[in-house]
C-alpha atoms as a PDB file:
ATOM      1  CA  MET A   1     118.553 -38.522  80.121  1.00  0.00           C
ATOM      2  CA  VAL A   2     118.613 -41.146  77.633  1.00  0.00           C
ATOM      3  CA  ALA A   3     118.523 -43.501  80.208  1.00  0.00           C
ATOM      4  CA  ARG A   4     115.484 -41.572  81.945  1.00  0.00           C
ATOM      5  CA  GLY A   5     113.547 -41.366  77.828  1.00  0.00           C
ATOM      6  CA  ILE A   6     114.607 -45.385  77.651  1.00  0.00           C
ATOM      7  CA  THR A   7     112.822 -46.183  80.578  1.00  0.00           C
ATOM      8  CA  LEU A   8     109.893 -44.364  80.499  1.00  0.00           C
ATOM      9  CA  LEU A   9     109.620 -45.360  76.928  1.00  0.00           C
ATOM     10  CA  ARG A  10     109.744 -49.199  78.167  1.00  0.00           C
ATOM     11  CA  THR A  11     106.890 -48.647  80.616  1.00  0.00           C
ATOM     12  CA  ALA A  12     104.890 -47.191  78.293  1.00  0.00           C
ATOM     13  CA  ASN A  13     102.468 -49.068  76.306  1.00  0.00           C
ATOM     14  CA  ASP A  14     100.070 -48.282  73.089  1.00  0.00           C
ATOM     15  CA  SER A  15      97.250 -47.710  75.251  1.00  0.00           C
ATOM     16  CA  ALA A  16     100.162 -44.968  76.751  1.00  0.00           C
ATOM     17  CA  PRO A  17     100.335 -42.551  73.829  1.00  0.00           C
ATOM     18  CA  ALA A  18     101.068 -39.673  76.208  1.00  0.00           C
ATOM     19  CA  LEU A  19     104.168 -41.266  77.603  1.00  0.00           C
ATOM     20  CA  GLN A  20     105.293 -42.159  74.815  1.00  0.00           C
ATOM     21  CA  GLN A  21     105.583 -38.789  73.305  1.00  0.00           C
ATOM     22  CA  THR A  22     107.002 -37.662  76.755  1.00  0.00           C
ATOM     23  CA  ALA A  23     109.887 -40.321  76.353  1.00  0.00           C
ATOM     24  CA  VAL A  24     110.383 -39.417  72.142  1.00  0.00           C
ATOM     25  CA  ARG A  25     110.912 -35.768  73.928  1.00  0.00           C
ATOM     26  CA  MET A  26     113.429 -36.688  76.296  1.00  0.00           C
ATOM     27  CA  LEU A  27     115.330 -38.856  73.680  1.00  0.00           C
ATOM     28  CA  VAL A  28     114.986 -35.789  71.143  1.00  0.00           C
ATOM     29  CA  LEU A  29     116.330 -33.704  73.943  1.00  0.00           C
ATOM     30  CA  ALA A  30     119.152 -36.190  75.152  1.00  0.00           C
ATOM     31  CA  ASP A  31     120.113 -36.407  70.929  1.00  0.00           C
ATOM     32  CA  SER A  32     120.223 -32.454  70.716  1.00  0.00           C
ATOM     33  CA  ILE A  33     122.784 -32.149  73.969  1.00  0.00           C
ATOM     34  CA  ALA A  34     124.927 -35.032  73.072  1.00  0.00           C
ATOM     35  CA  SER A  35     124.329 -36.892  69.928  1.00  0.00           C
ATOM     36  CA  ARG A  36     126.621 -40.419  69.189  1.00  0.00           C
ATOM     37  CA  GLU A  37     125.098 -42.826  67.243  1.00  0.00           C
ATOM     38  CA  ASP A  38     123.457 -44.782  70.153  1.00  0.00           C
ATOM     39  CA  THR A  39     121.868 -42.131  71.434  1.00  0.00           C
ATOM     40  CA  ARG A  40     120.044 -41.405  67.371  1.00  0.00           C
ATOM     41  CA  SER A  41     119.176 -45.472  67.600  1.00  0.00           C
ATOM     42  CA  TYR A  42     117.394 -44.818  70.843  1.00  0.00           C
ATOM     43  CA  LEU A  43     116.139 -42.130  69.151  1.00  0.00           C
ATOM     44  CA  ALA A  44     114.601 -43.663  66.083  1.00  0.00           C
ATOM     45  CA  ALA A  45     113.701 -46.999  67.925  1.00  0.00           C
ATOM     46  CA  ALA A  46     111.602 -44.847  70.184  1.00  0.00           C
ATOM     47  CA  ALA A  47     110.080 -43.250  67.411  1.00  0.00           C
ATOM     48  CA  LEU A  48     109.140 -46.167  65.632  1.00  0.00           C
ATOM     49  CA  GLN A  49     107.386 -47.583  68.854  1.00  0.00           C
ATOM     50  CA  ALA A  50     105.082 -44.191  69.430  1.00  0.00           C
ATOM     51  CA  SER A  51     104.429 -43.523  65.583  1.00  0.00           C
ATOM     52  CA  ARG A  52     103.120 -47.208  65.405  1.00  0.00           C
ATOM     53  CA  ALA A  53     100.939 -46.588  68.696  1.00  0.00           C
ATOM     54  CA  GLN A  54      99.858 -43.122  66.849  1.00  0.00           C
ATOM     55  CA  LEU A  55      99.011 -45.079  63.505  1.00  0.00           C
ATOM     56  CA  VAL A  56      97.159 -47.998  65.276  1.00  0.00           C
ATOM     57  CA  THR A  57      94.561 -44.625  66.712  1.00  0.00           C
ATOM     58  CA  ALA A  58      94.041 -43.669  63.575  1.00  0.00           C
ATOM     59  CA  SER A  59      92.628 -47.591  62.757  1.00  0.00           C
ATOM     60  CA  ARG A  60      90.231 -47.011  65.282  1.00  0.00           C
ATOM     61  CA  SER A  61      89.903 -43.300  64.971  1.00  0.00           C
ATOM     62  CA  ARG A  62      89.846 -42.974  61.346  1.00  0.00           C
ATOM     63  CA  THR A  63      90.705 -39.573  61.408  1.00  0.00           C
ATOM     64  CA  CYS A  64      94.171 -37.610  58.684  1.00  0.00           C
ATOM     65  CA  VAL A  65      95.119 -35.681  61.826  1.00  0.00           C
ATOM     66  CA  ASP A  66      95.851 -39.588  63.929  1.00  0.00           C
ATOM     67  CA  VAL A  67      97.476 -40.497  60.903  1.00  0.00           C
ATOM     68  CA  ARG A  68      99.507 -37.302  60.406  1.00  0.00           C
ATOM     69  CA  SER A  69     100.668 -37.463  64.234  1.00  0.00           C
ATOM     70  CA  SER A  70     102.292 -40.931  62.876  1.00  0.00           C
ATOM     71  CA  GLU A  71     103.600 -39.095  60.049  1.00  0.00           C
ATOM     72  CA  GLU A  72     105.254 -36.627  61.973  1.00  0.00           C
ATOM     73  CA  THR A  73     106.450 -38.616  65.289  1.00  0.00           C
ATOM     74  CA  LEU A  74     107.896 -41.016  62.391  1.00  0.00           C
ATOM     75  CA  GLN A  75     109.998 -37.942  60.551  1.00  0.00           C
ATOM     76  CA  LEU A  76     111.823 -38.548  64.017  1.00  0.00           C
ATOM     77  CA  SER A  77     113.105 -41.391  63.651  1.00  0.00           C
ATOM     78  CA  ALA A  78     114.367 -40.451  59.812  1.00  0.00           C
ATOM     79  CA  ASP A  79     115.605 -37.851  60.736  1.00  0.00           C
ATOM     80  CA  ALA A  80     117.372 -39.503  63.286  1.00  0.00           C
ATOM     81  CA  ILE A  81     118.548 -42.347  60.428  1.00  0.00           C
ATOM     82  CA  ALA A  82     119.812 -40.194  57.879  1.00  0.00           C
ATOM     83  CA  ARG A  83     121.919 -38.639  60.447  1.00  0.00           C
ATOM     84  CA  GLY A  84     123.264 -42.279  61.304  1.00  0.00           C
ATOM     85  CA  LEU A  85     123.078 -45.156  63.430  1.00  0.00           C
ATOM     86  CA  GLY A  86     126.568 -46.914  62.848  1.00  0.00           C
ATOM     87  CA  GLU A  87     126.534 -50.391  61.171  1.00  0.00           C
ATOM     88  CA  GLY A  88     125.442 -53.021  63.874  1.00  0.00           C
ATOM     89  CA  ALA A  89     122.347 -55.022  63.678  1.00  0.00           C
ATOM     90  CA  ASN A  90     120.449 -53.236  65.307  1.00  0.00           C
ATOM     91  CA  ALA A  91     121.028 -50.112  62.625  1.00  0.00           C
ATOM     92  CA  THR A  92     119.308 -52.741  60.326  1.00  0.00           C
ATOM     93  CA  GLU A  93     116.770 -53.509  61.846  1.00  0.00           C
ATOM     94  CA  ILE A  94     116.039 -50.185  62.992  1.00  0.00           C
ATOM     95  CA  SER A  95     115.929 -49.166  59.171  1.00  0.00           C
ATOM     96  CA  ALA A  96     114.171 -52.151  58.107  1.00  0.00           C
ATOM     97  CA  ALA A  97     111.217 -51.315  61.141  1.00  0.00           C
ATOM     98  CA  TYR A  98     111.525 -47.948  59.187  1.00  0.00           C
ATOM     99  CA  GLU A  99     110.497 -48.528  55.650  1.00  0.00           C
ATOM    100  CA  ALA A 100     107.817 -50.540  57.284  1.00  0.00           C
ATOM    101  CA  MET A 101     106.303 -48.198  58.884  1.00  0.00           C
ATOM    102  CA  ARG A 102     106.533 -45.307  56.002  1.00  0.00           C
ATOM    103  CA  VAL A 103     104.704 -47.555  53.707  1.00  0.00           C
ATOM    104  CA  ALA A 104     102.007 -48.244  56.510  1.00  0.00           C
ATOM    105  CA  VAL A 105     102.210 -44.535  57.350  1.00  0.00           C
ATOM    106  CA  GLU A 106     101.727 -43.468  53.381  1.00  0.00           C
ATOM    107  CA  ASN A 107      98.789 -46.546  52.809  1.00  0.00           C
ATOM    108  CA  ALA A 108      97.012 -44.824  55.661  1.00  0.00           C
ATOM    109  CA  ILE A 109      96.822 -41.108  54.815  1.00  0.00           C
ATOM    110  CA  ARG A 110      96.358 -42.143  51.035  1.00  0.00           C
ATOM    111  CA  SER A 111      92.997 -43.986  52.484  1.00  0.00           C
ATOM    112  CA  LEU A 112      92.265 -41.385  55.665  1.00  0.00           C
ATOM    113  CA  CYS A 113      93.380 -38.442  54.090  1.00  0.00           C
ATOM    114  CA  LYS A 114      91.128 -37.734  50.981  1.00  0.00           C
ATOM    115  CA  GLU A 115      89.912 -34.743  49.762  1.00  0.00           C
ATOM    116  CA  PRO A 116      86.751 -33.147  49.908  1.00  0.00           C
END
């Protein structure tokens, strides 16, 4: 299941958000069956990639709904990180990328999700 999710994620690019979301869902399922540091790392990285693509979509559409989708996907990454990714270089890179993405999403929310 992990291998299929990773393969699907690699074939999906920013113009294929549905494929990215399918890959993330596969990795969520794989992690729920047998959660390990490596599955959580894959899940966190995949969610970051999908969240970034959703944020790009939001920047084009200028809609709060798209930003909120990015925020929800980013939460999957946060959850995986919180459960532990291990102590390798990948864990450090994923955590740093998450922090940068969190700031970007928060800025987009402030900009695009204004109260009426």
